[in-house]
Amino acid sequence: MSLIYQKQILVTEDHIDQNNHVNNVQYVKWMEEIAGEHWDFVKDKTPFPEDIWMLLDHHIQYKKQVYLGETITIKTYPKAPEGIKQPRKVEFYCNDKLVVIQIHFGF
């Protein structure tokens, strides 16, 4: 079972803010979406298919702006558990360059 899950998103006007780049809040929405999609994809292959993933904390580092019409590749994967917490890393790429990193903790 692959621990990496990814998808691509074409940036539309709905994702853009008043500064003409992807709104920072949009990255948080995408992070929540891809974490849920990843869990839905793998949960039946685990001993805990009825469990849910809940966001406890997250840290975001913005490295580069992304603009209308560009394609973002989002990759996510779990990191080693820390007690009851399960860190997850989410990386956003545009034109093969890392543009945003999110590390969040859930259980």
PDB file of N, CA and C in Angstrom:
ATOM      1  N   MET A   1       0.846  -1.180   0.000  1.00  0.00           N
ATOM      2  CA  MET A   1       0.000   0.000   0.000  1.00  0.00           C
ATOM      3  C   MET A   1       0.890   1.241   0.000  1.00  0.00           C
ATOM      4  N   SER A   2       0.668   2.127  -0.947  1.00  0.00           N
ATOM      5  CA  SER A   2       1.439   3.359  -1.018  1.00  0.00           C
ATOM      6  C   SER A   2       0.992   4.327   0.064  1.00  0.00           C
ATOM      7  N   LEU A   3       1.946   4.920   0.717  1.00  0.00           N
ATOM      8  CA  LEU A   3       1.627   5.916   1.730  1.00  0.00           C
ATOM      9  C   LEU A   3       1.521   7.315   1.141  1.00  0.00           C
ATOM     10  N   ILE A   4       1.896   7.462  -0.131  1.00  0.00           N
ATOM     11  CA  ILE A   4       1.807   8.769  -0.788  1.00  0.00           C
ATOM     12  C   ILE A   4       0.534   8.812  -1.625  1.00  0.00           C
ATOM     13  N   TYR A   5      -0.202   9.893  -1.465  1.00  0.00           N
ATOM     14  CA  TYR A   5      -1.413  10.116  -2.248  1.00  0.00           C
ATOM     15  C   TYR A   5      -1.250  11.478  -2.907  1.00  0.00           C
ATOM     16  N   GLN A   6      -1.641  11.586  -4.165  1.00  0.00           N
ATOM     17  CA  GLN A   6      -1.498  12.874  -4.839  1.00  0.00           C
ATOM     18  C   GLN A   6      -2.606  13.109  -5.837  1.00  0.00           C
ATOM     19  N   LYS A   7      -2.781  14.379  -6.158  1.00  0.00           N
ATOM     20  CA  LYS A   7      -3.735  14.769  -7.198  1.00  0.00           C
ATOM     21  C   LYS A   7      -3.314  16.119  -7.755  1.00  0.00           C
ATOM     22  N   GLN A   8      -3.909  16.466  -8.892  1.00  0.00           N
ATOM     23  CA  GLN A   8      -3.626  17.755  -9.515  1.00  0.00           C
ATOM     24  C   GLN A   8      -4.881  18.611  -9.518  1.00  0.00           C
ATOM     25  N   ILE A   9      -4.666  19.912  -9.411  1.00  0.00           N
ATOM     26  CA  ILE A   9      -5.764  20.880  -9.430  1.00  0.00           C
ATOM     27  C   ILE A   9      -5.377  22.022 -10.357  1.00  0.00           C
ATOM     28  N   LEU A  10      -6.276  22.368 -11.258  1.00  0.00           N
ATOM     29  CA  LEU A  10      -6.104  23.538 -12.105  1.00  0.00           C
ATOM     30  C   LEU A  10      -6.619  24.750 -11.338  1.00  0.00           C
ATOM     31  N   VAL A  11      -5.803  25.770 -11.202  1.00  0.00           N
ATOM     32  CA  VAL A  11      -6.186  26.966 -10.451  1.00  0.00           C
ATOM     33  C   VAL A  11      -7.201  27.763 -11.267  1.00  0.00           C
ATOM     34  N   THR A  12      -8.359  27.995 -10.644  1.00  0.00           N
ATOM     35  CA  THR A  12      -9.436  28.765 -11.289  1.00  0.00           C
ATOM     36  C   THR A  12      -9.633  30.096 -10.555  1.00  0.00           C
ATOM     37  N   GLU A  13     -10.514  30.912 -11.083  1.00  0.00           N
ATOM     38  CA  GLU A  13     -10.803  32.208 -10.451  1.00  0.00           C
ATOM     39  C   GLU A  13     -11.321  32.053  -9.029  1.00  0.00           C
ATOM     40  N   ASP A  14     -11.987  30.937  -8.724  1.00  0.00           N
ATOM     41  CA  ASP A  14     -12.496  30.695  -7.371  1.00  0.00           C
ATOM     42  C   ASP A  14     -11.368  30.562  -6.350  1.00  0.00           C
ATOM     43  N   HIS A  15     -10.167  30.249  -6.797  1.00  0.00           N
ATOM     44  CA  HIS A  15      -9.026  30.037  -5.901  1.00  0.00           C
ATOM     45  C   HIS A  15      -8.192  31.301  -5.683  1.00  0.00           C
ATOM     46  N   ILE A  16      -8.472  32.346  -6.448  1.00  0.00           N
ATOM     47  CA  ILE A  16      -7.634  33.544  -6.488  1.00  0.00           C
ATOM     48  C   ILE A  16      -8.147  34.613  -5.519  1.00  0.00           C
ATOM     49  N   ASP A  17      -7.213  35.344  -4.891  1.00  0.00           N
ATOM     50  CA  ASP A  17      -7.598  36.426  -3.982  1.00  0.00           C
ATOM     51  C   ASP A  17      -7.388  37.790  -4.650  1.00  0.00           C
ATOM     52  N   GLN A  18      -7.525  38.845  -3.875  1.00  0.00           N
ATOM     53  CA  GLN A  18      -7.410  40.205  -4.404  1.00  0.00           C
ATOM     54  C   GLN A  18      -5.990  40.533  -4.874  1.00  0.00           C
ATOM     55  N   ASN A  19      -5.017  39.714  -4.522  1.00  0.00           N
ATOM     56  CA  ASN A  19      -3.640  39.920  -4.974  1.00  0.00           C
ATOM     57  C   ASN A  19      -3.320  39.110  -6.228  1.00  0.00           C
ATOM     58  N   ASN A  20      -4.350  38.501  -6.815  1.00  0.00           N
ATOM     59  CA  ASN A  20      -4.232  37.740  -8.066  1.00  0.00           C
ATOM     60  C   ASN A  20      -3.367  36.486  -7.965  1.00  0.00           C
ATOM     61  N   HIS A  21      -3.305  35.900  -6.782  1.00  0.00           N
ATOM     62  CA  HIS A  21      -2.653  34.600  -6.628  1.00  0.00           C
ATOM     63  C   HIS A  21      -3.527  33.724  -5.749  1.00  0.00           C
ATOM     64  N   VAL A  22      -3.168  32.434  -5.627  1.00  0.00           N
ATOM     65  CA  VAL A  22      -3.984  31.518  -4.837  1.00  0.00           C
ATOM     66  C   VAL A  22      -4.079  32.039  -3.402  1.00  0.00           C
ATOM     67  N   ASN A  23      -5.299  32.124  -2.914  1.00  0.00           N
ATOM     68  CA  ASN A  23      -5.563  32.586  -1.559  1.00  0.00           C
ATOM     69  C   ASN A  23      -4.992  31.597  -0.550  1.00  0.00           C
ATOM     70  N   ASN A  24      -4.359  32.104   0.496  1.00  0.00           N
ATOM     71  CA  ASN A  24      -3.757  31.227   1.507  1.00  0.00           C
ATOM     72  C   ASN A  24      -4.786  30.295   2.149  1.00  0.00           C
ATOM     73  N   VAL A  25      -5.999  30.771   2.331  1.00  0.00           N
ATOM     74  CA  VAL A  25      -7.051  29.939   2.922  1.00  0.00           C
ATOM     75  C   VAL A  25      -7.368  28.751   2.009  1.00  0.00           C
ATOM     76  N   GLN A  26      -7.201  28.934   0.715  1.00  0.00           N
ATOM     77  CA  GLN A  26      -7.466  27.849  -0.233  1.00  0.00           C
ATOM     78  C   GLN A  26      -6.538  26.661   0.017  1.00  0.00           C
ATOM     79  N   TYR A  27      -5.288  26.945   0.365  1.00  0.00           N
ATOM     80  CA  TYR A  27      -4.360  25.846   0.646  1.00  0.00           C
ATOM     81  C   TYR A  27      -4.836  25.009   1.831  1.00  0.00           C
ATOM     82  N   VAL A  28      -5.400  25.658   2.843  1.00  0.00           N
ATOM     83  CA  VAL A  28      -5.928  24.928   4.006  1.00  0.00           C
ATOM     84  C   VAL A  28      -7.100  24.049   3.575  1.00  0.00           C
ATOM     85  N   LYS A  29      -7.976  24.580   2.736  1.00  0.00           N
ATOM     86  CA  LYS A  29      -9.103  23.781   2.229  1.00  0.00           C
ATOM     87  C   LYS A  29      -8.602  22.558   1.464  1.00  0.00           C
ATOM     88  N   TRP A  30      -7.615  22.777   0.593  1.00  0.00           N
ATOM     89  CA  TRP A  30      -7.077  21.663  -0.176  1.00  0.00           C
ATOM     90  C   TRP A  30      -6.409  20.642   0.734  1.00  0.00           C
ATOM     91  N   MET A  31      -5.737  21.111   1.780  1.00  0.00           N
ATOM     92  CA  MET A  31      -5.096  20.204   2.733  1.00  0.00           C
ATOM     93  C   MET A  31      -6.136  19.313   3.391  1.00  0.00           C
ATOM     94  N   GLU A  32      -7.241  19.884   3.814  1.00  0.00           N
ATOM     95  CA  GLU A  32      -8.313  19.092   4.430  1.00  0.00           C
ATOM     96  C   GLU A  32      -8.906  18.104   3.431  1.00  0.00           C
ATOM     97  N   GLU A  33      -9.132  18.558   2.209  1.00  0.00           N
ATOM     98  CA  GLU A  33      -9.709  17.689   1.184  1.00  0.00           C
ATOM     99  C   GLU A  33      -8.805  16.497   0.873  1.00  0.00           C
ATOM    100  N   ILE A  34      -7.525  16.756   0.655  1.00  0.00           N
ATOM    101  CA  ILE A  34      -6.643  15.651   0.259  1.00  0.00           C
ATOM    102  C   ILE A  34      -6.409  14.683   1.410  1.00  0.00           C
ATOM    103  N   ALA A  35      -6.378  15.176   2.639  1.00  0.00           N
ATOM    104  CA  ALA A  35      -6.231  14.275   3.789  1.00  0.00           C
ATOM    105  C   ALA A  35      -7.444  13.347   3.874  1.00  0.00           C
ATOM    106  N   GLY A  36      -8.649  13.895   3.691  1.00  0.00           N
ATOM    107  CA  GLY A  36      -9.861  13.075   3.707  1.00  0.00           C
ATOM    108  C   GLY A  36      -9.909  12.085   2.563  1.00  0.00           C
ATOM    109  N   GLU A  37      -9.535  12.532   1.364  1.00  0.00           N
ATOM    110  CA  GLU A  37      -9.506  11.634   0.206  1.00  0.00           C
ATOM    111  C   GLU A  37      -8.502  10.503   0.416  1.00  0.00           C
ATOM    112  N   HIS A  38      -7.348  10.844   0.963  1.00  0.00           N
ATOM    113  CA  HIS A  38      -6.327   9.833   1.200  1.00  0.00           C
ATOM    114  C   HIS A  38      -6.834   8.793   2.195  1.00  0.00           C
ATOM    115  N   TRP A  39      -7.448   9.243   3.293  1.00  0.00           N
ATOM    116  CA  TRP A  39      -7.977   8.303   4.288  1.00  0.00           C
ATOM    117  C   TRP A  39      -9.065   7.429   3.672  1.00  0.00           C
ATOM    118  N   ASP A  40      -9.972   8.021   2.899  1.00  0.00           N
ATOM    119  CA  ASP A  40     -11.020   7.234   2.251  1.00  0.00           C
ATOM    120  C   ASP A  40     -10.422   6.175   1.314  1.00  0.00           C
ATOM    121  N   PHE A  41      -9.303   6.504   0.688  1.00  0.00           N
ATOM    122  CA  PHE A  41      -8.648   5.590  -0.248  1.00  0.00           C
ATOM    123  C   PHE A  41      -7.991   4.408   0.465  1.00  0.00           C
ATOM    124  N   VAL A  42      -7.432   4.638   1.675  1.00  0.00           N
ATOM    125  CA  VAL A  42      -6.665   3.584   2.344  1.00  0.00           C
ATOM    126  C   VAL A  42      -7.366   2.946   3.539  1.00  0.00           C
ATOM    127  N   LYS A  43      -8.422   3.530   4.070  1.00  0.00           N
ATOM    128  CA  LYS A  43      -8.968   3.071   5.358  1.00  0.00           C
ATOM    129  C   LYS A  43      -9.410   1.609   5.350  1.00  0.00           C
ATOM    130  N   ASP A  44      -9.932   1.117   4.250  1.00  0.00           N
ATOM    131  CA  ASP A  44     -10.374  -0.274   4.205  1.00  0.00           C
ATOM    132  C   ASP A  44      -9.210  -1.266   4.165  1.00  0.00           C
ATOM    133  N   LYS A  45      -8.007  -0.748   3.983  1.00  0.00           N
ATOM    134  CA  LYS A  45      -6.809  -1.594   3.986  1.00  0.00           C
ATOM    135  C   LYS A  45      -6.124  -1.563   5.350  1.00  0.00           C
ATOM    136  N   THR A  46      -6.745  -0.923   6.329  1.00  0.00           N
ATOM    137  CA  THR A  46      -6.172  -0.809   7.673  1.00  0.00           C
ATOM    138  C   THR A  46      -7.036  -1.589   8.659  1.00  0.00           C
ATOM    139  N   PRO A  47      -6.506  -1.824   9.863  1.00  0.00           N
ATOM    140  CA  PRO A  47      -7.325  -2.480  10.886  1.00  0.00           C
ATOM    141  C   PRO A  47      -8.323  -1.521  11.546  1.00  0.00           C
ATOM    142  N   PHE A  48      -8.364  -0.256  11.095  1.00  0.00           N
ATOM    143  CA  PHE A  48      -9.199   0.758  11.737  1.00  0.00           C
ATOM    144  C   PHE A  48     -10.086   1.498  10.732  1.00  0.00           C
ATOM    145  N   PRO A  49     -10.853   0.798   9.901  1.00  0.00           N
ATOM    146  CA  PRO A  49     -11.616   1.482   8.849  1.00  0.00           C
ATOM    147  C   PRO A  49     -12.716   2.405   9.362  1.00  0.00           C
ATOM    148  N   GLU A  50     -13.134   2.256  10.591  1.00  0.00           N
ATOM    149  CA  GLU A  50     -14.191   3.112  11.139  1.00  0.00           C
ATOM    150  C   GLU A  50     -13.644   4.370  11.811  1.00  0.00           C
ATOM    151  N   ASP A  51     -12.328   4.440  11.989  1.00  0.00           N
ATOM    152  CA  ASP A  51     -11.729   5.615  12.616  1.00  0.00           C
ATOM    153  C   ASP A  51     -11.838   6.820  11.686  1.00  0.00           C
ATOM    154  N   ILE A  52     -11.692   7.994  12.258  1.00  0.00           N
ATOM    155  CA  ILE A  52     -11.677   9.219  11.470  1.00  0.00           C
ATOM    156  C   ILE A  52     -10.399   9.982  11.776  1.00  0.00           C
ATOM    157  N   TRP A  53     -10.034  10.859  10.863  1.00  0.00           N
ATOM    158  CA  TRP A  53      -8.868  11.689  11.035  1.00  0.00           C
ATOM    159  C   TRP A  53      -9.355  13.081  11.423  1.00  0.00           C
ATOM    160  N   MET A  54      -8.775  13.635  12.468  1.00  0.00           N
ATOM    161  CA  MET A  54      -9.174  14.970  12.930  1.00  0.00           C
ATOM    162  C   MET A  54      -7.948  15.861  13.019  1.00  0.00           C
ATOM    163  N   LEU A  55      -8.074  17.076  12.507  1.00  0.00           N
ATOM    164  CA  LEU A  55      -6.983  18.048  12.543  1.00  0.00           C
ATOM    165  C   LEU A  55      -6.849  18.624  13.944  1.00  0.00           C
ATOM    166  N   LEU A  56      -5.650  18.565  14.487  1.00  0.00           N
ATOM    167  CA  LEU A  56      -5.373  19.142  15.797  1.00  0.00           C
ATOM    168  C   LEU A  56      -4.574  20.436  15.696  1.00  0.00           C
ATOM    169  N   ASP A  57      -3.638  20.471  14.757  1.00  0.00           N
ATOM    170  CA  ASP A  57      -2.712  21.598  14.657  1.00  0.00           C
ATOM    171  C   ASP A  57      -2.073  21.554  13.275  1.00  0.00           C
ATOM    172  N   HIS A  58      -1.704  22.702  12.745  1.00  0.00           N
ATOM    173  CA  HIS A  58      -0.978  22.673  11.475  1.00  0.00           C
ATOM    174  C   HIS A  58      -0.073  23.887  11.349  1.00  0.00           C
ATOM    175  N   HIS A  59       0.982  23.701  10.545  1.00  0.00           N
ATOM    176  CA  HIS A  59       1.977  24.737  10.288  1.00  0.00           C
ATOM    177  C   HIS A  59       2.160  24.824   8.779  1.00  0.00           C
ATOM    178  N   ILE A  60       2.168  26.049   8.265  1.00  0.00           N
ATOM    179  CA  ILE A  60       2.253  26.246   6.823  1.00  0.00           C
ATOM    180  C   ILE A  60       3.449  27.139   6.505  1.00  0.00           C
ATOM    181  N   GLN A  61       4.174  26.757   5.472  1.00  0.00           N
ATOM    182  CA  GLN A  61       5.264  27.593   4.979  1.00  0.00           C
ATOM    183  C   GLN A  61       5.013  27.860   3.499  1.00  0.00           C
ATOM    184  N   TYR A  62       4.849  29.145   3.166  1.00  0.00           N
ATOM    185  CA  TYR A  62       4.615  29.557   1.783  1.00  0.00           C
ATOM    186  C   TYR A  62       5.958  29.918   1.158  1.00  0.00           C
ATOM    187  N   LYS A  63       6.251  29.320   0.003  1.00  0.00           N
ATOM    188  CA  LYS A  63       7.549  29.525  -0.633  1.00  0.00           C
ATOM    189  C   LYS A  63       7.451  30.313  -1.941  1.00  0.00           C
ATOM    190  N   LYS A  64       6.311  30.234  -2.625  1.00  0.00           N
ATOM    191  CA  LYS A  64       6.175  30.857  -3.948  1.00  0.00           C
ATOM    192  C   LYS A  64       4.690  31.041  -4.236  1.00  0.00           C
ATOM    193  N   GLN A  65       4.340  32.064  -4.961  1.00  0.00           N
ATOM    194  CA  GLN A  65       2.954  32.317  -5.330  1.00  0.00           C
ATOM    195  C   GLN A  65       2.553  31.460  -6.533  1.00  0.00           C
ATOM    196  N   VAL A  66       1.260  31.146  -6.605  1.00  0.00           N
ATOM    197  CA  VAL A  66       0.698  30.395  -7.725  1.00  0.00           C
ATOM    198  C   VAL A  66      -0.457  31.221  -8.292  1.00  0.00           C
ATOM    199  N   TYR A  67      -0.586  31.227  -9.613  1.00  0.00           N
ATOM    200  CA  TYR A  67      -1.508  32.130 -10.288  1.00  0.00           C
ATOM    201  C   TYR A  67      -2.569  31.386 -11.114  1.00  0.00           C
ATOM    202  N   LEU A  68      -3.557  32.136 -11.536  1.00  0.00           N
ATOM    203  CA  LEU A  68      -4.664  31.640 -12.347  1.00  0.00           C
ATOM    204  C   LEU A  68      -4.143  30.850 -13.547  1.00  0.00           C
ATOM    205  N   GLY A  69      -4.731  29.685 -13.780  1.00  0.00           N
ATOM    206  CA  GLY A  69      -4.389  28.863 -14.933  1.00  0.00           C
ATOM    207  C   GLY A  69      -3.244  27.898 -14.705  1.00  0.00           C
ATOM    208  N   GLU A  70      -2.533  28.044 -13.600  1.00  0.00           N
ATOM    209  CA  GLU A  70      -1.447  27.109 -13.317  1.00  0.00           C
ATOM    210  C   GLU A  70      -2.010  25.831 -12.701  1.00  0.00           C
ATOM    211  N   THR A  71      -1.260  24.755 -12.803  1.00  0.00           N
ATOM    212  CA  THR A  71      -1.671  23.472 -12.241  1.00  0.00           C
ATOM    213  C   THR A  71      -0.825  23.183 -11.014  1.00  0.00           C
ATOM    214  N   ILE A  72      -1.512  22.826  -9.940  1.00  0.00           N
ATOM    215  CA  ILE A  72      -0.849  22.469  -8.695  1.00  0.00           C
ATOM    216  C   ILE A  72      -0.922  20.953  -8.524  1.00  0.00           C
ATOM    217  N   THR A  73       0.192  20.347  -8.155  1.00  0.00           N
ATOM    218  CA  THR A  73       0.213  18.944  -7.758  1.00  0.00           C
ATOM    219  C   THR A  73       0.314  18.917  -6.241  1.00  0.00           C
ATOM    220  N   ILE A  74      -0.616  18.214  -5.607  1.00  0.00           N
ATOM    221  CA  ILE A  74      -0.630  18.102  -4.153  1.00  0.00           C
ATOM    222  C   ILE A  74      -0.242  16.667  -3.797  1.00  0.00           C
ATOM    223  N   LYS A  75       0.731  16.534  -2.906  1.00  0.00           N
ATOM    224  CA  LYS A  75       1.165  15.222  -2.417  1.00  0.00           C
ATOM    225  C   LYS A  75       0.997  15.208  -0.902  1.00  0.00           C
ATOM    226  N   THR A  76       0.498  14.105  -0.373  1.00  0.00           N
ATOM    227  CA  THR A  76       0.380  13.960   1.071  1.00  0.00           C
ATOM    228  C   THR A  76       0.810  12.576   1.497  1.00  0.00           C
ATOM    229  N   TYR A  77       1.329  12.509   2.696  1.00  0.00           N
ATOM    230  CA  TYR A  77       1.732  11.221   3.261  1.00  0.00           C
ATOM    231  C   TYR A  77       1.867  11.361   4.766  1.00  0.00           C
ATOM    232  N   PRO A  78       1.617  10.254   5.486  1.00  0.00           N
ATOM    233  CA  PRO A  78       1.771  10.292   6.934  1.00  0.00           C
ATOM    234  C   PRO A  78       3.240  10.196   7.317  1.00  0.00           C
ATOM    235  N   LYS A  79       3.554  10.762   8.456  1.00  0.00           N
ATOM    236  CA  LYS A  79       4.880  10.631   9.039  1.00  0.00           C
ATOM    237  C   LYS A  79       4.767   9.673  10.219  1.00  0.00           C
ATOM    238  N   ALA A  80       5.868   9.391  10.890  1.00  0.00           N
ATOM    239  CA  ALA A  80       5.860   8.463  12.022  1.00  0.00           C
ATOM    240  C   ALA A  80       4.970   9.003  13.147  1.00  0.00           C
ATOM    241  N   PRO A  81       4.152   8.136  13.766  1.00  0.00           N
ATOM    242  CA  PRO A  81       3.281   8.580  14.862  1.00  0.00           C
ATOM    243  C   PRO A  81       4.078   9.167  16.019  1.00  0.00           C
ATOM    244  N   GLU A  82       3.448  10.116  16.696  1.00  0.00           N
ATOM    245  CA  GLU A  82       4.015  10.732  17.897  1.00  0.00           C
ATOM    246  C   GLU A  82       2.994  10.531  19.006  1.00  0.00           C
ATOM    247  N   GLY A  83       3.074   9.406  19.708  1.00  0.00           N
ATOM    248  CA  GLY A  83       2.054   9.068  20.700  1.00  0.00           C
ATOM    249  C   GLY A  83       0.752   8.783  19.980  1.00  0.00           C
ATOM    250  N   ILE A  84      -0.336   9.462  20.397  1.00  0.00           N
ATOM    251  CA  ILE A  84      -1.618   9.271  19.719  1.00  0.00           C
ATOM    252  C   ILE A  84      -1.763  10.153  18.488  1.00  0.00           C
ATOM    253  N   LYS A  85      -0.830  11.057  18.269  1.00  0.00           N
ATOM    254  CA  LYS A  85      -0.885  11.958  17.115  1.00  0.00           C
ATOM    255  C   LYS A  85      -0.259  11.310  15.883  1.00  0.00           C
ATOM    256  N   GLN A  86      -0.843  11.594  14.726  1.00  0.00           N
ATOM    257  CA  GLN A  86      -0.312  11.107  13.461  1.00  0.00           C
ATOM    258  C   GLN A  86       0.002  12.311  12.581  1.00  0.00           C
ATOM    259  N   PRO A  87       1.263  12.744  12.546  1.00  0.00           N
ATOM    260  CA  PRO A  87       1.597  13.859  11.661  1.00  0.00           C
ATOM    261  C   PRO A  87       1.399  13.483  10.196  1.00  0.00           C
ATOM    262  N   ARG A  88       1.007  14.455   9.417  1.00  0.00           N
ATOM    263  CA  ARG A  88       0.827  14.279   7.980  1.00  0.00           C
ATOM    264  C   ARG A  88       1.515  15.457   7.300  1.00  0.00           C
ATOM    265  N   LYS A  89       2.203  15.173   6.222  1.00  0.00           N
ATOM    266  CA  LYS A  89       2.850  16.227   5.456  1.00  0.00           C
ATOM    267  C   LYS A  89       2.093  16.398   4.147  1.00  0.00           C
ATOM    268  N   VAL A  90       1.868  17.650   3.778  1.00  0.00           N
ATOM    269  CA  VAL A  90       1.225  17.975   2.510  1.00  0.00           C
ATOM    270  C   VAL A  90       2.159  18.928   1.778  1.00  0.00           C
ATOM    271  N   GLU A  91       2.474  18.580   0.542  1.00  0.00           N
ATOM    272  CA  GLU A  91       3.356  19.409  -0.277  1.00  0.00           C
ATOM    273  C   GLU A  91       2.604  19.838  -1.528  1.00  0.00           C
ATOM    274  N   PHE A  92       2.744  21.092  -1.885  1.00  0.00           N
ATOM    275  CA  PHE A  92       2.123  21.665  -3.082  1.00  0.00           C
ATOM    276  C   PHE A  92       3.240  22.045  -4.051  1.00  0.00           C
ATOM    277  N   TYR A  93       3.115  21.554  -5.288  1.00  0.00           N
ATOM    278  CA  TYR A  93       4.102  21.835  -6.318  1.00  0.00           C
ATOM    279  C   TYR A  93       3.431  22.536  -7.497  1.00  0.00           C
ATOM    280  N   CYS A  94       4.169  23.455  -8.113  1.00  0.00           N
ATOM    281  CA  CYS A  94       3.738  24.084  -9.357  1.00  0.00           C
ATOM    282  C   CYS A  94       4.960  24.130 -10.270  1.00  0.00           C
ATOM    283  N   ASN A  95       4.818  23.608 -11.468  1.00  0.00           N
ATOM    284  CA  ASN A  95       5.946  23.528 -12.407  1.00  0.00           C
ATOM    285  C   ASN A  95       7.143  22.825 -11.763  1.00  0.00           C
ATOM    286  N   ASP A  96       6.857  21.743 -11.045  1.00  0.00           N
ATOM    287  CA  ASP A  96       7.872  20.923 -10.378  1.00  0.00           C
ATOM    288  C   ASP A  96       8.645  21.657  -9.285  1.00  0.00           C
ATOM    289  N   LYS A  97       8.148  22.803  -8.837  1.00  0.00           N
ATOM    290  CA  LYS A  97       8.793  23.538  -7.746  1.00  0.00           C
ATOM    291  C   LYS A  97       7.888  23.512  -6.525  1.00  0.00           C
ATOM    292  N   LEU A  98       8.474  23.258  -5.365  1.00  0.00           N
ATOM    293  CA  LEU A  98       7.738  23.257  -4.112  1.00  0.00           C
ATOM    294  C   LEU A  98       7.292  24.688  -3.805  1.00  0.00           C
ATOM    295  N   VAL A  99       5.968  24.884  -3.654  1.00  0.00           N
ATOM    296  CA  VAL A  99       5.450  26.229  -3.396  1.00  0.00           C
ATOM    297  C   VAL A  99       4.866  26.389  -1.993  1.00  0.00           C
ATOM    298  N   VAL A 100       4.377  25.303  -1.394  1.00  0.00           N
ATOM    299  CA  VAL A 100       3.806  25.362  -0.049  1.00  0.00           C
ATOM    300  C   VAL A 100       4.063  24.026   0.633  1.00  0.00           C
ATOM    301  N   ILE A 101       4.396  24.095   1.922  1.00  0.00           N
ATOM    302  CA  ILE A 101       4.542  22.898   2.757  1.00  0.00           C
ATOM    303  C   ILE A 101       3.621  23.067   3.942  1.00  0.00           C
ATOM    304  N   GLN A 102       2.866  22.024   4.238  1.00  0.00           N
ATOM    305  CA  GLN A 102       2.024  22.004   5.429  1.00  0.00           C
ATOM    306  C   GLN A 102       2.346  20.740   6.214  1.00  0.00           C
ATOM    307  N   ILE A 103       2.561  20.907   7.475  1.00  0.00           N
ATOM    308  CA  ILE A 103       2.682  19.763   8.366  1.00  0.00           C
ATOM    309  C   ILE A 103       1.592  19.928   9.390  1.00  0.00           C
ATOM    310  N   HIS A 104       0.768  18.894   9.511  1.00  0.00           N
ATOM    311  CA  HIS A 104      -0.304  18.994  10.478  1.00  0.00           C
ATOM    312  C   HIS A 104      -0.389  17.715  11.290  1.00  0.00           C
ATOM    313  N   PHE A 105      -1.007  17.870  12.423  1.00  0.00           N
ATOM    314  CA  PHE A 105      -1.099  16.776  13.382  1.00  0.00           C
ATOM    315  C   PHE A 105      -2.557  16.425  13.596  1.00  0.00           C
ATOM    316  N   GLY A 106      -2.843  15.166  13.498  1.00  0.00           N
ATOM    317  CA  GLY A 106      -4.192  14.688  13.717  1.00  0.00           C
ATOM    318  C   GLY A 106      -4.161  13.384  14.481  1.00  0.00           C
ATOM    319  N   PHE A 107      -5.325  12.890  14.759  1.00  0.00           N
ATOM    320  CA  PHE A 107      -5.438  11.561  15.381  1.00  0.00           C
ATOM    321  C   PHE A 107      -6.683  10.898  14.862  1.00  0.00           C
TER     322      PHE A 107
END
